[in-house]
Amino acid sequence: MNKGATGNQQLELPAGFRFHPTDDELVQHYLCRKCAGQPIAVSIITEIDLYKFDPWQLPGNFDSSKLSYLQILG
């Protein structure tokens, strides 16, 4: 089993797990819940305040043993 950190917990993921939601799934299951102040069942998406960092600092804020993606929309 692969393990992904979620705060102080360990998330058990099956071998071969891929987080690859569609845009509709992201909006429906994550963004709408976030805007409504509802909890997200699994904390697989890390939230950071981008305004607290310079762009070149962002890669250093993540555990290099974990795969991270950063997508800028705009």
Protein backbone atom coordinates (compact mmCIF):
# COMPACT_ATOMS: atom_id res chain seq x y z
CA MET A 1 0.00 0.00 0.00
CA ASN A 2 1.14 3.51 -0.74
CA LYS A 3 0.80 6.04 2.02
CA GLY A 4 0.02 9.71 1.56
CA ALA A 5 0.16 12.15 4.47
CA THR A 6 -3.00 14.02 5.41
CA GLY A 7 -2.10 16.28 8.28
CA ASN A 8 -1.33 14.04 11.25
CA GLN A 9 -2.97 11.00 9.66
CA GLN A 10 -1.71 8.47 7.16
CA LEU A 11 -3.93 7.80 4.15
CA GLU A 12 -3.76 4.21 2.92
CA LEU A 13 -3.95 4.10 -0.87
CA PRO A 14 -4.00 0.93 -2.98
CA ALA A 15 -1.04 0.20 -5.25
CA GLY A 16 -1.48 1.96 -8.58
CA PHE A 17 -3.79 4.64 -7.19
CA ARG A 18 -3.93 7.72 -9.41
CA PHE A 19 -5.65 11.00 -8.57
CA HIS A 20 -6.93 12.08 -11.96
CA PRO A 21 -10.39 13.68 -11.59
CA THR A 22 -12.18 15.39 -14.44
CA ASP A 23 -12.83 19.13 -14.30
CA ASP A 24 -16.50 18.44 -13.49
CA GLU A 25 -15.53 16.10 -10.63
CA LEU A 26 -13.14 18.70 -9.19
CA VAL A 27 -15.81 21.39 -9.25
CA GLN A 28 -18.59 19.17 -7.91
CA HIS A 29 -16.72 17.23 -5.23
CA TYR A 30 -14.05 19.71 -4.12
CA LEU A 31 -14.64 23.33 -5.15
CA CYS A 32 -18.39 23.44 -4.39
CA ARG A 33 -17.83 21.77 -1.01
CA LYS A 34 -14.95 24.14 -0.21
CA CYS A 35 -17.03 27.22 -1.09
CA ALA A 36 -19.94 25.91 1.01
CA GLY A 37 -17.64 25.38 4.01
CA GLN A 38 -18.26 21.63 3.96
CA PRO A 39 -15.49 19.17 4.77
CA ILE A 40 -13.80 17.21 2.02
CA ALA A 41 -13.85 13.48 2.80
CA VAL A 42 -10.18 12.90 1.96
CA SER A 43 -7.52 15.60 2.29
CA ILE A 44 -5.66 14.59 -0.84
CA ILE A 45 -5.52 18.19 -2.11
CA THR A 46 -3.14 20.37 -0.13
CA GLU A 47 -4.18 23.98 0.29
CA ILE A 48 -1.57 26.73 0.51
CA ASP A 49 -1.69 30.53 0.36
CA LEU A 50 0.19 31.33 -2.85
CA TYR A 51 0.54 34.98 -1.84
CA LYS A 52 2.88 34.04 1.02
CA PHE A 53 5.54 32.68 -1.34
CA ASP A 54 7.61 33.75 -4.29
CA PRO A 55 7.15 31.39 -7.27
CA TRP A 56 10.64 29.86 -6.91
CA GLN A 57 9.91 28.96 -3.27
CA LEU A 58 6.87 26.79 -4.03
CA PRO A 59 8.66 23.58 -5.12
CA GLY A 60 10.70 23.64 -1.89
CA ASN A 61 7.57 23.60 0.27
CA PHE A 62 6.66 20.05 -0.68
CA ASP A 63 8.09 16.70 0.35
CA SER A 64 10.26 15.68 -2.61
CA SER A 65 9.39 12.01 -2.05
CA LYS A 66 5.78 12.76 -3.02
CA LEU A 67 4.54 13.71 -6.44
CA SER A 68 3.15 17.25 -6.55
CA TYR A 69 1.38 19.21 -9.25
CA LEU A 70 0.85 22.93 -9.40
CA GLN A 71 -1.55 24.30 -11.96
CA ILE A 72 -1.97 28.04 -12.40
CA LEU A 73 -5.27 29.09 -13.94
CA GLY A 74 -5.75 32.53 -15.32
